[in-house]
Protein backbone atom coordinates (compact mmCIF):
# COMPACT_ATOMS: atom_id res chain seq x y z
CA ARG A 1 0.59 -19.98 -20.25
CA LEU A 2 -1.11 -19.80 -17.04
CA ALA A 3 -2.79 -16.65 -17.17
CA HIS A 4 -5.14 -17.28 -14.14
CA THR A 5 -2.32 -18.45 -11.91
CA THR A 6 -0.99 -16.88 -8.76
CA VAL A 7 2.73 -17.62 -8.25
CA MET A 8 4.20 -17.09 -4.94
CA GLU A 9 8.08 -16.36 -4.50
CA THR A 10 9.27 -17.14 -1.10
CA GLY A 11 13.00 -15.92 -0.95
CA GLY A 12 16.42 -16.37 -2.36
CA MET A 13 18.66 -19.34 -3.21
CA LYS A 14 20.08 -19.76 0.27
CA GLY A 15 23.63 -19.90 -1.14
CA ARG A 16 22.76 -22.88 -3.37
CA ARG A 17 22.79 -21.19 -6.55
CA PRO A 18 23.91 -17.64 -7.74
CA GLU A 19 21.39 -14.91 -6.15
CA LEU A 20 19.19 -13.12 -8.38
CA VAL A 21 17.59 -9.69 -7.62
CA ARG A 22 13.86 -10.25 -6.77
CA GLU A 23 12.91 -7.97 -9.72
CA ASP A 24 14.78 -10.16 -12.07
CA VAL A 25 13.20 -13.48 -10.69
CA HIS A 26 9.80 -11.84 -10.92
CA ALA A 27 10.34 -10.84 -14.60
CA ILE A 28 11.48 -14.28 -15.49
CA LEU A 29 8.41 -15.92 -13.84
CA LYS A 30 6.03 -13.31 -15.23
CA GLU A 31 7.36 -14.14 -18.74
CA ALA A 32 7.57 -17.94 -18.39
CA PHE A 33 4.01 -18.13 -17.11
CA GLY A 34 2.26 -15.20 -18.88
CA ILE A 35 1.08 -13.50 -15.63
CA PRO A 36 0.89 -9.93 -14.71
CA ALA A 37 2.41 -10.20 -11.29
CA VAL A 38 4.42 -12.53 -8.96
CA HIS A 39 3.47 -12.39 -5.31
CA SER A 40 5.93 -12.76 -2.45
CA GLU A 41 6.00 -14.15 1.09
CA TYR A 42 8.35 -12.69 3.83
CA GLY A 43 8.60 -15.07 6.87
CA MET A 44 11.01 -17.25 8.99
CA THR A 45 10.81 -20.80 10.42
CA GLU A 46 11.21 -19.22 13.83
CA LEU A 47 7.94 -17.35 13.49
CA LEU A 48 4.21 -18.50 12.84
CA SER A 49 3.18 -15.63 10.57
CA GLN A 50 4.19 -14.34 7.33
CA ALA A 51 3.75 -11.03 5.37
CA TYR A 52 2.72 -10.99 1.75
CA SER A 53 3.20 -8.80 -1.22
CA ALA A 54 0.61 -8.75 -3.97
CA GLY A 55 3.26 -8.33 -6.60
CA GLU A 56 4.07 -4.62 -6.12
CA GLY A 57 7.11 -5.10 -3.85
CA ARG A 58 5.47 -3.99 -0.59
CA PHE A 59 4.69 -6.50 2.19
CA THR A 60 1.54 -6.32 4.37
CA CYS A 61 1.55 -8.05 7.84
CA PRO A 62 -1.51 -9.48 9.51
CA PRO A 63 -2.71 -7.53 12.54
CA TRP A 64 -0.98 -9.73 15.11
CA MET A 65 2.37 -9.16 13.30
CA ARG A 66 4.54 -6.09 13.10
CA VAL A 67 7.67 -5.15 11.26
CA LEU A 68 9.98 -2.48 12.44
CA VAL A 69 13.17 -1.03 10.92
CA ARG A 70 16.30 -0.24 13.08
CA GLU A 71 19.20 1.91 12.17
CA VAL A 72 21.93 -0.20 10.70
CA SER A 73 24.73 1.38 13.18
CA ASP A 74 22.40 1.70 16.29
CA PRO A 75 19.84 -1.05 16.99
CA PHE A 76 18.13 1.07 19.54
CA THR A 77 17.27 3.86 17.06
CA ARG A 78 14.30 3.75 14.47
CA PRO A 79 15.06 5.75 11.17
CA ALA A 80 12.36 7.76 9.68
CA HIS A 81 9.78 6.06 7.41
CA GLY A 82 11.41 5.52 3.82
CA ARG A 83 14.91 5.06 5.21
CA THR A 84 16.90 1.77 4.96
CA GLY A 85 17.54 -0.18 7.96
CA GLY A 86 17.68 -3.71 9.64
CA ILE A 87 14.32 -5.64 9.77
CA ASP A 88 12.92 -6.54 13.35
CA VAL A 89 9.92 -8.69 13.55
CA ILE A 90 7.10 -9.09 16.32
CA ASP A 91 4.85 -11.97 15.84
CA LEU A 92 2.23 -12.31 18.71
CA CYS A 93 1.47 -15.95 17.42
CA ASN A 94 4.86 -16.64 19.24
CA ALA A 95 3.80 -15.32 22.50
CA ALA A 96 4.49 -18.56 24.25
CA SER A 97 7.95 -18.77 22.96
CA CYS A 98 9.98 -15.96 21.25
CA PRO A 99 7.74 -13.25 19.56
CA PHE A 100 10.61 -10.81 18.93
CA ILE A 101 13.19 -11.58 16.00
CA SER A 102 15.92 -9.22 14.76
CA THR A 103 17.08 -10.05 11.44
CA GLN A 104 19.94 -9.47 9.16
CA ASP A 105 17.64 -8.44 6.43
CA LEU A 106 17.58 -4.84 5.12
CA GLY A 107 14.35 -3.10 4.69
CA ARG A 108 12.39 0.08 4.38
CA LEU A 109 9.05 0.90 6.30
CA HIS A 110 6.40 3.06 4.77
CA PRO A 111 3.89 5.37 6.46
CA ASP A 112 0.97 3.15 5.49
CA GLY A 113 2.62 0.11 7.43
CA THR A 114 3.90 -1.78 4.47
CA PHE A 115 7.54 -2.53 4.09
CA GLU A 116 10.04 -3.52 1.44
CA VAL A 117 12.80 -6.17 1.84
CA LEU A 118 15.85 -4.90 0.12
CA GLY A 119 18.51 -7.47 0.73
CA ARG A 120 20.77 -8.49 3.55
CA PHE A 121 23.62 -6.79 5.63
CA ASP A 122 26.98 -7.20 4.20
CA ASN A 123 28.82 -10.13 5.49
CA SER A 124 25.65 -11.72 7.12
CA ASP A 125 25.13 -15.43 7.44
CA VAL A 126 23.49 -17.14 4.55
CA ARG A 127 20.19 -18.42 6.35
CA GLY A 128 17.34 -20.60 5.49
CA CYS A 129 15.38 -23.42 7.03
CA ASN A 130 17.37 -25.94 4.97
CA LEU A 131 20.71 -24.58 6.06
CA MET A 132 20.61 -24.63 9.70
CA VAL A 133 22.95 -27.73 10.25
CA GLU A 134 26.16 -27.98 8.25
CA VAL A 135 27.85 -31.51 7.74
């Protein structure tokens, strides 16, 4: 048991193994390591910044990064807080390249600025830094 350890989960199986629901992965890790919570990271290779969750499922961004949620059927409309939509990310650390990313991830934004990642759009591409080139 590693009771004084922080475990950081950084995403799914990228199509290499059957996908597990985040809550199930966290339950397995908490039991295996004897820890009260599993932390999570949300970020992409295209961006320099990441958002982190301290085990409660809500991610917090650094001050120079912003996550927005767009309507699933209309990318120009922002849903009310608490409604599910597509995740858009603004990362000012990428100001010299491309600071705006529109993902195929589904999420929910909360009034306090935190957000949840709920999954992916149906039929979206399986993505990940190790899957960019298919041979």
